[in-house]
Amino acid sequence: MGSHRSLSSIDLAAFLLARKLKAVLLSGDRHLQQLAVQNGVTTHGSVWILDELIRWEIIAPQKVAETLRKIIKQGARLPAEECNKRFELWG
């Protein structure tokens, strides 16, 4: 773990806990996601959560698209290509 100096102690704790519990790690941090993948920990980001809300029919796709636009407008740095795909899907 010493080679992961770009990660905070909280990031590393989240990774270790997810690995120990065999849980999904939710993070948008590229370095943390890379560490997780290298160690067999399933990882997803914010857009995945929105996908799941739609998949489980918790929120209507149009409402999720509206929410995603608000999240981006507030300055969230999300993958533009993935967001654009969702806007096309969700309307």
PDB file of N, CA and C in Angstrom:
ATOM      1  N   MET A   1       0.805  -1.203   0.000  1.00  0.00           N
ATOM      2  CA  MET A   1       0.000   0.000   0.000  1.00  0.00           C
ATOM      3  C   MET A   1       0.850   1.269   0.000  1.00  0.00           C
ATOM      4  N   GLY A   2       2.123   1.144   0.304  1.00  0.00           N
ATOM      5  CA  GLY A   2       2.997   2.299   0.375  1.00  0.00           C
ATOM      6  C   GLY A   2       3.156   3.035  -0.932  1.00  0.00           C
ATOM      7  N   SER A   3       2.889   2.372  -2.052  1.00  0.00           N
ATOM      8  CA  SER A   3       3.050   3.003  -3.357  1.00  0.00           C
ATOM      9  C   SER A   3       1.839   3.839  -3.763  1.00  0.00           C
ATOM     10  N   HIS A   4       0.869   3.953  -2.914  1.00  0.00           N
ATOM     11  CA  HIS A   4      -0.364   4.674  -3.235  1.00  0.00           C
ATOM     12  C   HIS A   4      -0.435   5.990  -2.467  1.00  0.00           C
ATOM     13  N   ARG A   5       0.594   6.782  -2.621  1.00  0.00           N
ATOM     14  CA  ARG A   5       0.701   8.036  -1.881  1.00  0.00           C
ATOM     15  C   ARG A   5      -0.348   9.067  -2.302  1.00  0.00           C
ATOM     16  N   SER A   6      -0.911   8.928  -3.504  1.00  0.00           N
ATOM     17  CA  SER A   6      -1.907   9.898  -3.959  1.00  0.00           C
ATOM     18  C   SER A   6      -3.268   9.676  -3.289  1.00  0.00           C
ATOM     19  N   LEU A   7      -3.411   8.584  -2.567  1.00  0.00           N
ATOM     20  CA  LEU A   7      -4.673   8.291  -1.891  1.00  0.00           C
ATOM     21  C   LEU A   7      -4.610   8.730  -0.437  1.00  0.00           C
ATOM     22  N   SER A   8      -5.730   9.254   0.032  1.00  0.00           N
ATOM     23  CA  SER A   8      -5.799   9.660   1.436  1.00  0.00           C
ATOM     24  C   SER A   8      -5.974   8.427   2.322  1.00  0.00           C
ATOM     25  N   SER A   9      -5.788   8.612   3.592  1.00  0.00           N
ATOM     26  CA  SER A   9      -5.981   7.500   4.533  1.00  0.00           C
ATOM     27  C   SER A   9      -7.444   7.054   4.524  1.00  0.00           C
ATOM     28  N   ILE A  10      -8.355   7.982   4.293  1.00  0.00           N
ATOM     29  CA  ILE A  10      -9.780   7.629   4.227  1.00  0.00           C
ATOM     30  C   ILE A  10     -10.054   6.787   2.985  1.00  0.00           C
ATOM     31  N   ASP A  11      -9.449   7.169   1.844  1.00  0.00           N
ATOM     32  CA  ASP A  11      -9.592   6.369   0.621  1.00  0.00           C
ATOM     33  C   ASP A  11      -9.087   4.951   0.854  1.00  0.00           C
ATOM     34  N   LEU A  12      -7.910   4.839   1.452  1.00  0.00           N
ATOM     35  CA  LEU A  12      -7.333   3.520   1.697  1.00  0.00           C
ATOM     36  C   LEU A  12      -8.184   2.715   2.666  1.00  0.00           C
ATOM     37  N   ALA A  13      -8.740   3.380   3.672  1.00  0.00           N
ATOM     38  CA  ALA A  13      -9.610   2.681   4.622  1.00  0.00           C
ATOM     39  C   ALA A  13     -10.868   2.166   3.917  1.00  0.00           C
ATOM     40  N   ALA A  14     -11.436   2.970   3.023  1.00  0.00           N
ATOM     41  CA  ALA A  14     -12.617   2.544   2.270  1.00  0.00           C
ATOM     42  C   ALA A  14     -12.283   1.336   1.401  1.00  0.00           C
ATOM     43  N   PHE A  15     -11.115   1.384   0.751  1.00  0.00           N
ATOM     44  CA  PHE A  15     -10.679   0.260  -0.076  1.00  0.00           C
ATOM     45  C   PHE A  15     -10.522  -1.001   0.774  1.00  0.00           C
ATOM     46  N   LEU A  16      -9.807  -0.893   1.896  1.00  0.00           N
ATOM     47  CA  LEU A  16      -9.560  -2.057   2.745  1.00  0.00           C
ATOM     48  C   LEU A  16     -10.854  -2.643   3.287  1.00  0.00           C
ATOM     49  N   LEU A  17     -11.787  -1.789   3.661  1.00  0.00           N
ATOM     50  CA  LEU A  17     -13.066  -2.269   4.173  1.00  0.00           C
ATOM     51  C   LEU A  17     -13.868  -2.970   3.083  1.00  0.00           C
ATOM     52  N   ALA A  18     -13.901  -2.381   1.898  1.00  0.00           N
ATOM     53  CA  ALA A  18     -14.619  -3.009   0.786  1.00  0.00           C
ATOM     54  C   ALA A  18     -14.004  -4.364   0.454  1.00  0.00           C
ATOM     55  N   ARG A  19     -12.687  -4.427   0.469  1.00  0.00           N
ATOM     56  CA  ARG A  19     -12.012  -5.700   0.177  1.00  0.00           C
ATOM     57  C   ARG A  19     -12.328  -6.739   1.246  1.00  0.00           C
ATOM     58  N   LYS A  20     -12.262  -6.328   2.507  1.00  0.00           N
ATOM     59  CA  LYS A  20     -12.526  -7.259   3.610  1.00  0.00           C
ATOM     60  C   LYS A  20     -13.964  -7.774   3.575  1.00  0.00           C
ATOM     61  N   LEU A  21     -14.910  -6.878   3.299  1.00  0.00           N
ATOM     62  CA  LEU A  21     -16.327  -7.254   3.314  1.00  0.00           C
ATOM     63  C   LEU A  21     -16.815  -7.824   1.981  1.00  0.00           C
ATOM     64  N   LYS A  22     -15.901  -7.817   0.975  1.00  0.00           N
ATOM     65  CA  LYS A  22     -16.284  -8.224  -0.381  1.00  0.00           C
ATOM     66  C   LYS A  22     -17.475  -7.389  -0.861  1.00  0.00           C
ATOM     67  N   ALA A  23     -17.366  -6.089  -0.590  1.00  0.00           N
ATOM     68  CA  ALA A  23     -18.420  -5.133  -0.917  1.00  0.00           C
ATOM     69  C   ALA A  23     -18.039  -4.327  -2.155  1.00  0.00           C
ATOM     70  N   VAL A  24     -19.009  -3.652  -2.724  1.00  0.00           N
ATOM     71  CA  VAL A  24     -18.767  -2.746  -3.842  1.00  0.00           C
ATOM     72  C   VAL A  24     -18.212  -1.441  -3.283  1.00  0.00           C
ATOM     73  N   LEU A  25     -17.167  -0.946  -3.916  1.00  0.00           N
ATOM     74  CA  LEU A  25     -16.572   0.325  -3.529  1.00  0.00           C
ATOM     75  C   LEU A  25     -17.131   1.411  -4.438  1.00  0.00           C
ATOM     76  N   LEU A  26     -17.757   2.420  -3.867  1.00  0.00           N
ATOM     77  CA  LEU A  26     -18.290   3.541  -4.635  1.00  0.00           C
ATOM     78  C   LEU A  26     -17.312   4.695  -4.552  1.00  0.00           C
ATOM     79  N   SER A  27     -16.765   5.062  -5.710  1.00  0.00           N
ATOM     80  CA  SER A  27     -15.790   6.151  -5.740  1.00  0.00           C
ATOM     81  C   SER A  27     -15.651   6.672  -7.161  1.00  0.00           C
ATOM     82  N   GLY A  28     -15.412   7.944  -7.264  1.00  0.00           N
ATOM     83  CA  GLY A  28     -15.119   8.548  -8.553  1.00  0.00           C
ATOM     84  C   GLY A  28     -13.643   8.838  -8.715  1.00  0.00           C
ATOM     85  N   ASP A  29     -12.851   8.498  -7.703  1.00  0.00           N
ATOM     86  CA  ASP A  29     -11.419   8.759  -7.735  1.00  0.00           C
ATOM     87  C   ASP A  29     -10.712   7.714  -8.596  1.00  0.00           C
ATOM     88  N   ARG A  30     -10.058   8.173  -9.642  1.00  0.00           N
ATOM     89  CA  ARG A  30      -9.402   7.273 -10.603  1.00  0.00           C
ATOM     90  C   ARG A  30      -8.358   6.385  -9.933  1.00  0.00           C
ATOM     91  N   HIS A  31      -7.551   6.950  -9.050  1.00  0.00           N
ATOM     92  CA  HIS A  31      -6.491   6.185  -8.404  1.00  0.00           C
ATOM     93  C   HIS A  31      -7.068   5.109  -7.481  1.00  0.00           C
ATOM     94  N   LEU A  32      -8.115   5.462  -6.771  1.00  0.00           N
ATOM     95  CA  LEU A  32      -8.755   4.495  -5.881  1.00  0.00           C
ATOM     96  C   LEU A  32      -9.419   3.380  -6.692  1.00  0.00           C
ATOM     97  N   GLN A  33     -10.056   3.746  -7.797  1.00  0.00           N
ATOM     98  CA  GLN A  33     -10.666   2.736  -8.658  1.00  0.00           C
ATOM     99  C   GLN A  33      -9.615   1.795  -9.232  1.00  0.00           C
ATOM    100  N   GLN A  34      -8.465   2.337  -9.634  1.00  0.00           N
ATOM    101  CA  GLN A  34      -7.387   1.496 -10.164  1.00  0.00           C
ATOM    102  C   GLN A  34      -6.896   0.506  -9.112  1.00  0.00           C
ATOM    103  N   LEU A  35      -6.694   0.981  -7.901  1.00  0.00           N
ATOM    104  CA  LEU A  35      -6.262   0.107  -6.813  1.00  0.00           C
ATOM    105  C   LEU A  35      -7.290  -1.007  -6.592  1.00  0.00           C
ATOM    106  N   ALA A  36      -8.561  -0.629  -6.599  1.00  0.00           N
ATOM    107  CA  ALA A  36      -9.618  -1.617  -6.385  1.00  0.00           C
ATOM    108  C   ALA A  36      -9.601  -2.689  -7.474  1.00  0.00           C
ATOM    109  N   VAL A  37      -9.545  -2.258  -8.719  1.00  0.00           N
ATOM    110  CA  VAL A  37      -9.540  -3.201  -9.846  1.00  0.00           C
ATOM    111  C   VAL A  37      -8.333  -4.132  -9.754  1.00  0.00           C
ATOM    112  N   GLN A  38      -7.177  -3.582  -9.437  1.00  0.00           N
ATOM    113  CA  GLN A  38      -5.950  -4.383  -9.321  1.00  0.00           C
ATOM    114  C   GLN A  38      -6.060  -5.454  -8.238  1.00  0.00           C
ATOM    115  N   ASN A  39      -6.942  -5.203  -7.272  1.00  0.00           N
ATOM    116  CA  ASN A  39      -7.083  -6.122  -6.145  1.00  0.00           C
ATOM    117  C   ASN A  39      -8.404  -6.881  -6.146  1.00  0.00           C
ATOM    118  N   GLY A  40      -9.111  -6.852  -7.281  1.00  0.00           N
ATOM    119  CA  GLY A  40     -10.328  -7.635  -7.408  1.00  0.00           C
ATOM    120  C   GLY A  40     -11.528  -7.097  -6.659  1.00  0.00           C
ATOM    121  N   VAL A  41     -11.504  -5.814  -6.320  1.00  0.00           N
ATOM    122  CA  VAL A  41     -12.639  -5.193  -5.627  1.00  0.00           C
ATOM    123  C   VAL A  41     -13.519  -4.513  -6.677  1.00  0.00           C
ATOM    124  N   THR A  42     -14.795  -4.856  -6.690  1.00  0.00           N
ATOM    125  CA  THR A  42     -15.723  -4.228  -7.623  1.00  0.00           C
ATOM    126  C   THR A  42     -15.890  -2.772  -7.247  1.00  0.00           C
ATOM    127  N   THR A  43     -15.810  -1.904  -8.244  1.00  0.00           N
ATOM    128  CA  THR A  43     -15.922  -0.471  -7.991  1.00  0.00           C
ATOM    129  C   THR A  43     -16.829   0.180  -9.018  1.00  0.00           C
ATOM    130  N   HIS A  44     -17.591   1.147  -8.574  1.00  0.00           N
ATOM    131  CA  HIS A  44     -18.487   1.909  -9.433  1.00  0.00           C
ATOM    132  C   HIS A  44     -18.474   3.363  -8.991  1.00  0.00           C
ATOM    133  N   GLY A  45     -18.972   4.236  -9.887  1.00  0.00           N
ATOM    134  CA  GLY A  45     -19.033   5.658  -9.586  1.00  0.00           C
ATOM    135  C   GLY A  45     -20.461   6.170  -9.526  1.00  0.00           C
ATOM    136  N   SER A  46     -20.585   7.472  -9.522  1.00  0.00           N
ATOM    137  CA  SER A  46     -21.883   8.139  -9.360  1.00  0.00           C
ATOM    138  C   SER A  46     -22.878   7.805 -10.468  1.00  0.00           C
ATOM    139  N   VAL A  47     -22.401   7.722 -11.696  1.00  0.00           N
ATOM    140  CA  VAL A  47     -23.311   7.452 -12.818  1.00  0.00           C
ATOM    141  C   VAL A  47     -23.923   6.063 -12.668  1.00  0.00           C
ATOM    142  N   TRP A  48     -23.161   5.127 -12.155  1.00  0.00           N
ATOM    143  CA  TRP A  48     -23.675   3.775 -11.916  1.00  0.00           C
ATOM    144  C   TRP A  48     -24.841   3.808 -10.925  1.00  0.00           C
ATOM    145  N   ILE A  49     -24.712   4.623  -9.895  1.00  0.00           N
ATOM    146  CA  ILE A  49     -25.791   4.732  -8.904  1.00  0.00           C
ATOM    147  C   ILE A  49     -27.073   5.206  -9.594  1.00  0.00           C
ATOM    148  N   LEU A  50     -26.949   6.191 -10.473  1.00  0.00           N
ATOM    149  CA  LEU A  50     -28.115   6.684 -11.202  1.00  0.00           C
ATOM    150  C   LEU A  50     -28.700   5.597 -12.091  1.00  0.00           C
ATOM    151  N   ASP A  51     -27.828   4.832 -12.751  1.00  0.00           N
ATOM    152  CA  ASP A  51     -28.298   3.699 -13.559  1.00  0.00           C
ATOM    153  C   ASP A  51     -29.111   2.724 -12.711  1.00  0.00           C
ATOM    154  N   GLU A  52     -28.621   2.456 -11.519  1.00  0.00           N
ATOM    155  CA  GLU A  52     -29.298   1.506 -10.625  1.00  0.00           C
ATOM    156  C   GLU A  52     -30.658   2.040 -10.158  1.00  0.00           C
ATOM    157  N   LEU A  53     -30.741   3.338  -9.910  1.00  0.00           N
ATOM    158  CA  LEU A  53     -32.025   3.921  -9.520  1.00  0.00           C
ATOM    159  C   LEU A  53     -33.078   3.703 -10.608  1.00  0.00           C
ATOM    160  N   ILE A  54     -32.639   3.783 -11.842  1.00  0.00           N
ATOM    161  CA  ILE A  54     -33.559   3.548 -12.963  1.00  0.00           C
ATOM    162  C   ILE A  54     -33.847   2.062 -13.104  1.00  0.00           C
ATOM    163  N   ARG A  55     -32.807   1.247 -13.036  1.00  0.00           N
ATOM    164  CA  ARG A  55     -32.978  -0.200 -13.207  1.00  0.00           C
ATOM    165  C   ARG A  55     -33.966  -0.769 -12.194  1.00  0.00           C
ATOM    166  N   TRP A  56     -33.900  -0.285 -10.976  1.00  0.00           N
ATOM    167  CA  TRP A  56     -34.788  -0.772  -9.920  1.00  0.00           C
ATOM    168  C   TRP A  56     -36.097   0.027  -9.850  1.00  0.00           C
ATOM    169  N   GLU A  57     -36.302   0.896 -10.846  1.00  0.00           N
ATOM    170  CA  GLU A  57     -37.527   1.686 -10.972  1.00  0.00           C
ATOM    171  C   GLU A  57     -37.833   2.511  -9.726  1.00  0.00           C
ATOM    172  N   ILE A  58     -36.775   3.066  -9.147  1.00  0.00           N
ATOM    173  CA  ILE A  58     -36.923   3.920  -7.967  1.00  0.00           C
ATOM    174  C   ILE A  58     -37.240   5.342  -8.392  1.00  0.00           C
ATOM    175  N   ILE A  59     -36.608   5.774  -9.488  1.00  0.00           N
ATOM    176  CA  ILE A  59     -36.834   7.120 -10.028  1.00  0.00           C
ATOM    177  C   ILE A  59     -36.966   6.999 -11.542  1.00  0.00           C
ATOM    178  N   ALA A  60     -37.855   7.783 -12.113  1.00  0.00           N
ATOM    179  CA  ALA A  60     -38.074   7.771 -13.565  1.00  0.00           C
ATOM    180  C   ALA A  60     -36.842   8.302 -14.296  1.00  0.00           C
ATOM    181  N   PRO A  61     -36.547   7.742 -15.459  1.00  0.00           N
ATOM    182  CA  PRO A  61     -35.366   8.167 -16.223  1.00  0.00           C
ATOM    183  C   PRO A  61     -35.284   9.675 -16.464  1.00  0.00           C
ATOM    184  N   GLN A  62     -36.398  10.301 -16.787  1.00  0.00           N
ATOM    185  CA  GLN A  62     -36.386  11.744 -17.048  1.00  0.00           C
ATOM    186  C   GLN A  62     -35.970  12.528 -15.804  1.00  0.00           C
ATOM    187  N   LYS A  63     -36.416  12.086 -14.656  1.00  0.00           N
ATOM    188  CA  LYS A  63     -36.064  12.752 -13.397  1.00  0.00           C
ATOM    189  C   LYS A  63     -34.579  12.567 -13.091  1.00  0.00           C
ATOM    190  N   VAL A  64     -34.065  11.384 -13.397  1.00  0.00           N
ATOM    191  CA  VAL A  64     -32.645  11.125 -13.171  1.00  0.00           C
ATOM    192  C   VAL A  64     -31.794  11.991 -14.104  1.00  0.00           C
ATOM    193  N   ALA A  65     -32.225  12.137 -15.350  1.00  0.00           N
ATOM    194  CA  ALA A  65     -31.501  12.994 -16.302  1.00  0.00           C
ATOM    195  C   ALA A  65     -31.477  14.433 -15.795  1.00  0.00           C
ATOM    196  N   GLU A  66     -32.600  14.888 -15.294  1.00  0.00           N
ATOM    197  CA  GLU A  66     -32.686  16.244 -14.739  1.00  0.00           C
ATOM    198  C   GLU A  66     -31.731  16.399 -13.546  1.00  0.00           C
ATOM    199  N   THR A  67     -31.699  15.397 -12.701  1.00  0.00           N
ATOM    200  CA  THR A  67     -30.814  15.415 -11.537  1.00  0.00           C
ATOM    201  C   THR A  67     -29.347  15.404 -11.959  1.00  0.00           C
ATOM    202  N   LEU A  68     -29.020  14.590 -12.955  1.00  0.00           N
ATOM    203  CA  LEU A  68     -27.642  14.537 -13.446  1.00  0.00           C
ATOM    204  C   LEU A  68     -27.218  15.894 -14.002  1.00  0.00           C
ATOM    205  N   ARG A  69     -28.113  16.565 -14.706  1.00  0.00           N
ATOM    206  CA  ARG A  69     -27.790  17.909 -15.214  1.00  0.00           C
ATOM    207  C   ARG A  69     -27.484  18.871 -14.060  1.00  0.00           C
ATOM    208  N   LYS A  70     -28.254  18.778 -12.990  1.00  0.00           N
ATOM    209  CA  LYS A  70     -28.028  19.628 -11.819  1.00  0.00           C
ATOM    210  C   LYS A  70     -26.688  19.309 -11.156  1.00  0.00           C
ATOM    211  N   ILE A  71     -26.365  18.026 -11.075  1.00  0.00           N
ATOM    212  CA  ILE A  71     -25.102  17.606 -10.469  1.00  0.00           C
ATOM    213  C   ILE A  71     -23.927  18.179 -11.265  1.00  0.00           C
ATOM    214  N   ILE A  72     -24.017  18.095 -12.579  1.00  0.00           N
ATOM    215  CA  ILE A  72     -22.950  18.621 -13.444  1.00  0.00           C
ATOM    216  C   ILE A  72     -22.873  20.140 -13.321  1.00  0.00           C
ATOM    217  N   LYS A  73     -24.026  20.790 -13.286  1.00  0.00           N
ATOM    218  CA  LYS A  73     -24.061  22.253 -13.172  1.00  0.00           C
ATOM    219  C   LYS A  73     -23.415  22.727 -11.868  1.00  0.00           C
ATOM    220  N   GLN A  74     -23.497  21.904 -10.833  1.00  0.00           N
ATOM    221  CA  GLN A  74     -22.901  22.252  -9.542  1.00  0.00           C
ATOM    222  C   GLN A  74     -21.387  22.051  -9.530  1.00  0.00           C
ATOM    223  N   GLY A  75     -20.841  21.515 -10.638  1.00  0.00           N
ATOM    224  CA  GLY A  75     -19.392  21.407 -10.754  1.00  0.00           C
ATOM    225  C   GLY A  75     -18.815  20.012 -10.604  1.00  0.00           C
ATOM    226  N   ALA A  76     -19.668  19.004 -10.525  1.00  0.00           N
ATOM    227  CA  ALA A  76     -19.150  17.631 -10.421  1.00  0.00           C
ATOM    228  C   ALA A  76     -18.375  17.275 -11.681  1.00  0.00           C
ATOM    229  N   ARG A  77     -17.258  16.622 -11.492  1.00  0.00           N
ATOM    230  CA  ARG A  77     -16.445  16.192 -12.629  1.00  0.00           C
ATOM    231  C   ARG A  77     -16.766  14.729 -12.924  1.00  0.00           C
ATOM    232  N   LEU A  78     -17.678  14.553 -13.842  1.00  0.00           N
ATOM    233  CA  LEU A  78     -18.109  13.215 -14.243  1.00  0.00           C
ATOM    234  C   LEU A  78     -17.686  12.977 -15.687  1.00  0.00           C
ATOM    235  N   PRO A  79     -17.561  11.712 -16.079  1.00  0.00           N
ATOM    236  CA  PRO A  79     -17.142  11.422 -17.461  1.00  0.00           C
ATOM    237  C   PRO A  79     -18.184  11.907 -18.466  1.00  0.00           C
ATOM    238  N   ALA A  80     -17.796  12.896 -19.270  1.00  0.00           N
ATOM    239  CA  ALA A  80     -18.723  13.541 -20.205  1.00  0.00           C
ATOM    240  C   ALA A  80     -19.349  12.552 -21.169  1.00  0.00           C
ATOM    241  N   GLU A  81     -18.545  11.645 -21.705  1.00  0.00           N
ATOM    242  CA  GLU A  81     -19.064  10.679 -22.673  1.00  0.00           C
ATOM    243  C   GLU A  81     -20.153   9.797 -22.052  1.00  0.00           C
ATOM    244  N   GLU A  82     -19.918   9.347 -20.826  1.00  0.00           N
ATOM    245  CA  GLU A  82     -20.908   8.509 -20.144  1.00  0.00           C
ATOM    246  C   GLU A  82     -22.178   9.306 -19.829  1.00  0.00           C
ATOM    247  N   CYS A  83     -22.013  10.539 -19.419  1.00  0.00           N
ATOM    248  CA  CYS A  83     -23.178  11.387 -19.123  1.00  0.00           C
ATOM    249  C   CYS A  83     -23.994  11.632 -20.387  1.00  0.00           C
ATOM    250  N   ASN A  84     -23.319  11.921 -21.482  1.00  0.00           N
ATOM    251  CA  ASN A  84     -24.029  12.164 -22.743  1.00  0.00           C
ATOM    252  C   ASN A  84     -24.807  10.934 -23.203  1.00  0.00           C
ATOM    253  N   LYS A  85     -24.226   9.752 -23.007  1.00  0.00           N
ATOM    254  CA  LYS A  85     -24.950   8.512 -23.335  1.00  0.00           C
ATOM    255  C   LYS A  85     -26.237   8.422 -22.518  1.00  0.00           C
ATOM    256  N   ARG A  86     -26.129   8.778 -21.252  1.00  0.00           N
ATOM    257  CA  ARG A  86     -27.307   8.697 -20.376  1.00  0.00           C
ATOM    258  C   ARG A  86     -28.368   9.706 -20.795  1.00  0.00           C
ATOM    259  N   PHE A  87     -27.956  10.910 -21.167  1.00  0.00           N
ATOM    260  CA  PHE A  87     -28.924  11.914 -21.604  1.00  0.00           C
ATOM    261  C   PHE A  87     -29.682  11.424 -22.819  1.00  0.00           C
ATOM    262  N   GLU A  88     -28.985  10.759 -23.739  1.00  0.00           N
ATOM    263  CA  GLU A  88     -29.652  10.202 -24.925  1.00  0.00           C
ATOM    264  C   GLU A  88     -30.642   9.101 -24.532  1.00  0.00           C
ATOM    265  N   LEU A  89     -30.249   8.269 -23.574  1.00  0.00           N
ATOM    266  CA  LEU A  89     -31.109   7.166 -23.124  1.00  0.00           C
ATOM    267  C   LEU A  89     -32.318   7.672 -22.333  1.00  0.00           C
ATOM    268  N   TRP A  90     -32.065   8.606 -21.450  1.00  0.00           N
ATOM    269  CA  TRP A  90     -33.073   9.015 -20.481  1.00  0.00           C
ATOM    270  C   TRP A  90     -33.931  10.181 -20.935  1.00  0.00           C
ATOM    271  N   GLY A  91     -33.481  10.904 -21.949  1.00  0.00           N
ATOM    272  CA  GLY A  91     -34.256  12.037 -22.428  1.00  0.00           C
ATOM    273  C   GLY A  91     -33.976  13.335 -21.715  1.00  0.00           C
TER     274      GLY A  91
END
